[in-house]
Amino acid sequence: MAQQDNNATSAHRRGFGDILFRLIGLMILLASAVAGWIALDYRNFTVTALNVPAEGLVLEIAPGRSVRAISRGLAAQGVIERAEYLEWMARRSGDASRLQAGEYRIEAGMRPADLLQLLVSGKVMQHSMTIVEGWTFAQLIDAMKRHEILVHTLGEKSPVEIMTALGHAGEHPEGRFLPDTYHFPRGTTDVAFLARAYTALEQALAREWATRAEGLPLETPYEALILASIIERETGVPEERPRIAGVFVRRLLKGMRLQTDPTVIYGMGSDYDGD
């Protein structure tokens, strides 16, 4: 009787072992299938273009933002389907710790790897502002205040205070900023913009001053700039400027007044009505 019980127990154990073995095998097959599906899905993710409109999409990365937060944000916008896949890509490639803050334009047709490369490169979007030739300092400041991208820090500072903020206390601001189109990233302050234009003007003046004609009644590059500005305002015809310049130089050499309308118009400021 005891022998029969032992045989029954052994059979029962073998049957349970077989079932357990089959379950383990089934779980392994299931895990392999899932892993294969994930691998295929991940591969499709890497070769599929991001979901952005034809005109592109602006992406702003705040300083210190993690790759996980970036990935989840893109998934929430519908740019990518799986946030974890982009995070995996970034961590596997080592890009996760090299992403740079800034404002980026994602172009249509870009794939996840292209996006990571862009964020690592730091090639942020550039905005622009043009200092128009002939602008007064007041016009320049007004244009800066209306620019939507520049960070406004000057408030209602006076011209004297602005030049002090630029590190050039005591200098007259008029004509100190080179007329040109400047490109800069989001986050650029008005002070940084002015400092750049100031430096550009100083460099241009230095080049021109080094090649000036002998015997001119001018003591500094800034005096040359003032005279050039007056000549430019005196006529809109470039061919007439050398002759007008000669007249002004001869008057200065004789100690005469320039007697030119642009100086009076500038002195009148906002009171000038065009007559």
Protein backbone atom coordinates (compact mmCIF):
# COMPACT_ATOMS: atom_id res chain seq x y z
CA MET A 1 0.00 0.00 0.00
CA ALA A 2 2.84 2.34 0.97
CA GLN A 3 4.58 1.51 -2.28
CA GLN A 4 1.49 2.51 -4.27
CA ASP A 5 1.29 5.80 -2.40
CA ASN A 6 4.95 6.53 -3.19
CA ASN A 7 4.41 5.77 -6.87
CA ALA A 8 1.38 8.05 -6.98
CA THR A 9 3.31 10.86 -5.31
CA SER A 10 6.21 10.50 -7.74
CA ALA A 11 3.86 10.56 -10.71
CA HIS A 12 2.15 13.61 -9.33
CA ARG A 13 5.47 15.39 -8.93
CA ARG A 14 6.53 14.47 -12.45
CA GLY A 15 3.24 15.76 -13.79
CA PHE A 16 3.61 19.04 -11.89
CA GLY A 17 7.21 19.35 -13.08
CA ASP A 18 6.16 18.87 -16.68
CA ILE A 19 3.50 21.56 -16.35
CA LEU A 20 5.97 23.95 -14.71
CA PHE A 21 8.51 23.26 -17.44
CA ARG A 22 5.94 23.96 -20.11
CA LEU A 23 4.90 27.19 -18.37
CA ILE A 24 8.48 28.35 -18.16
CA GLY A 25 8.99 27.53 -21.82
CA LEU A 26 5.82 29.38 -22.72
CA MET A 27 6.93 32.41 -20.70
CA ILE A 28 10.30 32.37 -22.43
CA LEU A 29 8.63 32.21 -25.84
CA LEU A 30 6.27 35.02 -24.84
CA ALA A 31 9.15 37.15 -23.56
CA SER A 32 11.09 36.51 -26.76
CA ALA A 33 8.07 37.49 -28.83
CA VAL A 34 7.60 40.68 -26.81
CA ALA A 35 11.31 41.50 -27.04
CA GLY A 36 11.20 40.93 -30.79
CA TRP A 37 8.16 43.14 -31.15
CA ILE A 38 9.80 45.90 -29.08
CA ALA A 39 12.99 45.65 -31.13
CA LEU A 40 11.00 45.93 -34.36
CA ASP A 41 8.91 48.79 -33.00
CA TYR A 42 12.05 50.59 -31.83
CA ARG A 43 13.68 50.15 -35.23
CA ASN A 44 10.60 51.57 -36.94
CA PHE A 45 10.75 54.50 -34.52
CA THR A 46 14.34 55.31 -35.47
CA VAL A 47 13.62 55.41 -39.21
CA THR A 48 10.26 57.20 -39.08
CA ALA A 49 10.16 60.96 -39.64
CA LEU A 50 9.01 63.11 -36.75
CA ASN A 51 5.43 64.30 -36.86
CA VAL A 52 5.91 67.99 -37.59
CA PRO A 53 4.08 70.32 -40.01
CA ALA A 54 5.56 71.18 -43.39
CA GLU A 55 6.72 74.60 -42.14
CA GLY A 56 8.60 73.01 -39.24
CA LEU A 57 8.18 73.29 -35.50
CA VAL A 58 9.89 75.46 -32.87
CA LEU A 59 11.22 73.59 -29.84
CA GLU A 60 12.53 75.49 -26.82
CA ILE A 61 14.77 73.63 -24.39
CA ALA A 62 15.07 75.28 -20.99
CA PRO A 63 18.43 75.13 -19.17
CA GLY A 64 18.76 71.99 -17.06
CA ARG A 65 15.85 70.17 -18.69
CA SER A 66 16.43 66.40 -18.74
CA VAL A 67 16.21 64.15 -21.78
CA ARG A 68 13.29 62.38 -20.11
CA ALA A 69 11.35 65.64 -19.77
CA ILE A 70 12.18 66.59 -23.35
CA SER A 71 11.04 63.20 -24.65
CA ARG A 72 7.80 63.30 -22.72
CA GLY A 73 7.12 66.83 -23.88
CA LEU A 74 7.58 65.83 -27.52
CA ALA A 75 5.32 62.83 -27.04
CA ALA A 76 2.66 65.03 -25.46
CA GLN A 77 2.80 67.29 -28.54
CA GLY A 78 2.46 64.29 -30.84
CA VAL A 79 5.89 64.83 -32.39
CA ILE A 80 6.95 61.30 -31.38
CA GLU A 81 4.89 58.27 -30.39
CA ARG A 82 7.11 56.73 -27.73
CA ALA A 83 8.95 59.01 -25.31
CA GLU A 84 10.97 56.11 -23.86
CA TYR A 85 12.44 55.27 -27.27
CA LEU A 86 13.92 58.73 -27.73
CA GLU A 87 15.28 58.62 -24.20
CA TRP A 88 16.85 55.21 -24.89
CA MET A 89 18.45 56.53 -28.07
CA ALA A 90 19.92 59.51 -26.24
CA ARG A 91 21.30 57.43 -23.39
CA ARG A 92 22.72 54.69 -25.63
CA SER A 93 24.52 57.23 -27.82
CA GLY A 94 25.75 59.33 -24.88
CA ASP A 95 23.82 62.34 -26.11
CA ALA A 96 21.61 62.55 -23.01
CA SER A 97 24.24 64.52 -21.09
CA ARG A 98 25.23 66.71 -24.04
CA LEU A 99 21.90 68.30 -25.00
CA GLN A 100 22.13 72.09 -25.07
CA ALA A 101 19.49 74.57 -24.02
CA GLY A 102 18.06 76.97 -26.56
CA GLU A 103 15.43 77.48 -29.22
CA TYR A 104 15.52 75.05 -32.15
CA ARG A 105 13.61 74.62 -35.39
CA ILE A 106 12.63 71.03 -36.14
CA GLU A 107 12.32 70.69 -39.89
CA ALA A 108 9.86 68.39 -41.65
CA GLY A 109 11.45 65.07 -42.55
CA MET A 110 13.82 64.96 -39.60
CA ARG A 111 14.15 61.63 -37.80
CA PRO A 112 14.82 61.07 -34.08
CA ALA A 113 18.58 60.77 -34.61
CA ASP A 114 18.56 64.06 -36.56
CA LEU A 115 16.74 65.72 -33.69
CA LEU A 116 19.28 64.53 -31.12
CA GLN A 117 22.13 65.67 -33.34
CA LEU A 118 20.52 69.11 -33.60
CA LEU A 119 20.07 69.42 -29.83
CA VAL A 120 23.68 68.39 -29.25
CA SER A 121 25.03 70.80 -31.87
CA GLY A 122 23.62 73.87 -30.13
CA LYS A 123 22.63 75.37 -33.50
CA VAL A 124 19.81 77.41 -32.06
CA MET A 125 17.41 79.58 -34.04
CA GLN A 126 18.65 83.03 -34.96
CA HIS A 127 16.46 86.14 -34.86
CA SER A 128 17.36 89.44 -36.43
CA MET A 129 17.09 93.19 -36.08
CA THR A 130 18.30 95.85 -38.47
CA ILE A 131 19.76 99.18 -37.39
CA VAL A 132 18.72 101.39 -40.27
CA GLU A 133 21.28 103.80 -41.63
CA GLY A 134 20.34 107.32 -40.61
CA TRP A 135 18.45 106.36 -37.45
CA THR A 136 18.87 108.60 -34.44
CA PHE A 137 19.64 107.00 -31.08
CA ALA A 138 16.03 107.62 -30.02
CA GLN A 139 14.77 105.72 -33.08
CA LEU A 140 17.13 102.83 -32.32
CA ILE A 141 15.94 102.56 -28.73
CA ASP A 142 12.31 102.69 -29.83
CA ALA A 143 12.86 99.87 -32.34
CA MET A 144 14.55 97.77 -29.68
CA LYS A 145 11.67 98.26 -27.26
CA ARG A 146 9.26 96.97 -29.92
CA HIS A 147 11.35 93.90 -30.75
CA GLU A 148 9.58 90.80 -29.42
CA ILE A 149 12.63 88.57 -28.99
CA LEU A 150 15.14 90.86 -27.27
CA VAL A 151 15.08 90.73 -23.47
CA HIS A 152 14.29 94.25 -22.31
CA THR A 153 16.39 95.35 -19.34
CA LEU A 154 16.94 99.06 -19.98
CA GLY A 155 13.44 100.17 -19.07
CA GLU A 156 13.18 103.96 -19.23
CA LYS A 157 16.87 104.69 -18.76
CA SER A 158 18.12 107.93 -20.25
CA PRO A 159 20.75 107.97 -23.01
CA VAL A 160 23.36 108.88 -20.40
CA GLU A 161 22.35 105.94 -18.23
CA ILE A 162 22.32 103.58 -21.21
CA MET A 163 25.86 104.51 -22.19
CA THR A 164 26.91 103.98 -18.58
CA ALA A 165 25.28 100.53 -18.61
CA LEU A 166 27.32 99.74 -21.72
CA GLY A 167 30.53 100.71 -19.94
CA HIS A 168 31.02 103.93 -21.93
CA ALA A 169 30.00 106.60 -19.44
CA GLY A 170 30.40 110.13 -20.71
CA GLU A 171 30.20 109.22 -24.41
CA HIS A 172 27.47 110.68 -26.58
CA PRO A 173 25.32 107.82 -27.94
CA GLU A 174 24.48 109.35 -31.30
CA GLY A 175 26.03 107.42 -34.19
CA ARG A 176 27.85 104.97 -31.92
CA PHE A 177 26.09 101.86 -33.29
CA LEU A 178 26.87 100.42 -36.70
CA PRO A 179 23.90 100.26 -39.11
CA ASP A 180 23.59 96.62 -40.09
CA THR A 181 21.42 93.53 -39.69
CA TYR A 182 22.32 91.55 -36.59
CA HIS A 183 21.38 87.94 -35.86
CA PHE A 184 21.09 86.61 -32.33
CA PRO A 185 19.44 83.80 -30.33
CA ARG A 186 16.44 84.13 -28.05
CA GLY A 187 17.51 85.37 -24.64
CA THR A 188 19.78 88.13 -25.97
CA THR A 189 19.38 91.32 -23.92
CA ASP A 190 19.03 94.82 -25.28
CA VAL A 191 22.32 95.71 -23.59
CA ALA A 192 24.13 92.82 -25.31
CA PHE A 193 22.65 93.87 -28.66
CA LEU A 194 23.81 97.46 -28.24
CA ALA A 195 27.25 96.35 -27.06
CA ARG A 196 27.66 94.26 -30.19
CA ALA A 197 26.62 97.12 -32.49
CA TYR A 198 28.89 99.52 -30.58
CA THR A 199 31.90 97.22 -31.01
CA ALA A 200 31.13 96.76 -34.71
CA LEU A 201 31.10 100.53 -35.20
CA GLU A 202 34.37 100.97 -33.30
CA GLN A 203 36.06 98.37 -35.49
CA ALA A 204 34.72 99.92 -38.70
CA LEU A 205 35.82 103.40 -37.61
CA ALA A 206 39.29 102.16 -36.73
CA ARG A 207 39.71 100.66 -40.21
CA GLU A 208 38.58 103.85 -41.95
CA TRP A 209 40.56 106.15 -39.65
CA ALA A 210 43.76 104.24 -40.42
CA THR A 211 43.41 105.08 -44.15
CA ARG A 212 42.27 108.75 -43.79
CA ALA A 213 43.75 111.47 -45.98
CA GLU A 214 46.44 113.71 -44.55
CA GLY A 215 45.65 117.23 -43.40
CA LEU A 216 42.01 116.73 -42.41
CA PRO A 217 40.70 119.06 -39.69
CA LEU A 218 39.56 116.10 -37.60
CA GLU A 219 41.11 114.92 -34.36
CA THR A 220 39.25 111.68 -33.62
CA PRO A 221 37.45 108.88 -35.48
CA TYR A 222 34.20 110.04 -33.87
CA GLU A 223 34.61 113.52 -35.40
CA ALA A 224 35.05 111.83 -38.78
CA LEU A 225 31.85 109.89 -38.17
CA ILE A 226 29.93 113.06 -37.32
CA LEU A 227 31.14 114.81 -40.47
CA ALA A 228 30.30 111.77 -42.60
CA SER A 229 26.79 111.69 -41.11
CA ILE A 230 26.25 115.37 -41.91
CA ILE A 231 27.44 114.87 -45.49
CA GLU A 232 25.14 111.89 -45.92
CA ARG A 233 22.14 113.89 -44.67
CA GLU A 234 23.03 116.86 -46.85
CA THR A 235 22.38 114.93 -50.07
CA GLY A 236 20.80 111.69 -51.15
CA VAL A 237 22.94 111.59 -54.31
CA PRO A 238 26.16 109.62 -53.68
CA GLU A 239 27.97 111.36 -56.56
CA GLU A 240 27.57 114.74 -54.83
CA ARG A 241 29.11 113.69 -51.52
CA PRO A 242 32.82 114.14 -52.43
CA ARG A 243 32.15 117.74 -53.51
CA ILE A 244 30.13 118.50 -50.37
CA ALA A 245 32.81 116.90 -48.22
CA GLY A 246 35.39 119.19 -49.84
CA VAL A 247 33.29 122.26 -49.05
CA PHE A 248 32.90 121.26 -45.39
CA VAL A 249 36.60 120.42 -44.97
CA ARG A 250 37.63 123.80 -46.38
CA ARG A 251 35.20 125.59 -44.05
CA LEU A 252 36.56 123.72 -41.05
CA LEU A 253 40.15 124.53 -42.04
CA LYS A 254 39.19 128.23 -42.16
CA GLY A 255 37.34 128.04 -38.83
CA MET A 256 33.99 128.73 -40.49
CA ARG A 257 30.62 127.38 -39.44
CA LEU A 258 29.35 124.51 -41.56
CA GLN A 259 26.00 126.26 -42.17
CA THR A 260 24.25 123.05 -43.13
CA ASP A 261 20.60 122.10 -42.67
CA PRO A 262 21.12 118.62 -41.14
CA THR A 263 22.80 120.10 -38.04
CA VAL A 264 19.89 122.48 -37.48
CA ILE A 265 17.32 119.73 -38.08
CA TYR A 266 19.07 117.45 -35.58
CA GLY A 267 19.18 120.27 -33.03
CA MET A 268 15.46 120.88 -33.40
CA GLY A 269 14.71 117.23 -32.63
CA SER A 270 11.00 116.46 -32.46
CA ASP A 271 10.13 120.11 -33.14
CA TYR A 272 11.22 119.72 -36.75
CA ASP A 273 8.10 119.45 -38.93
CA GLY A 274 9.79 118.90 -42.29
CA ASP A 275 9.78 122.57 -43.34
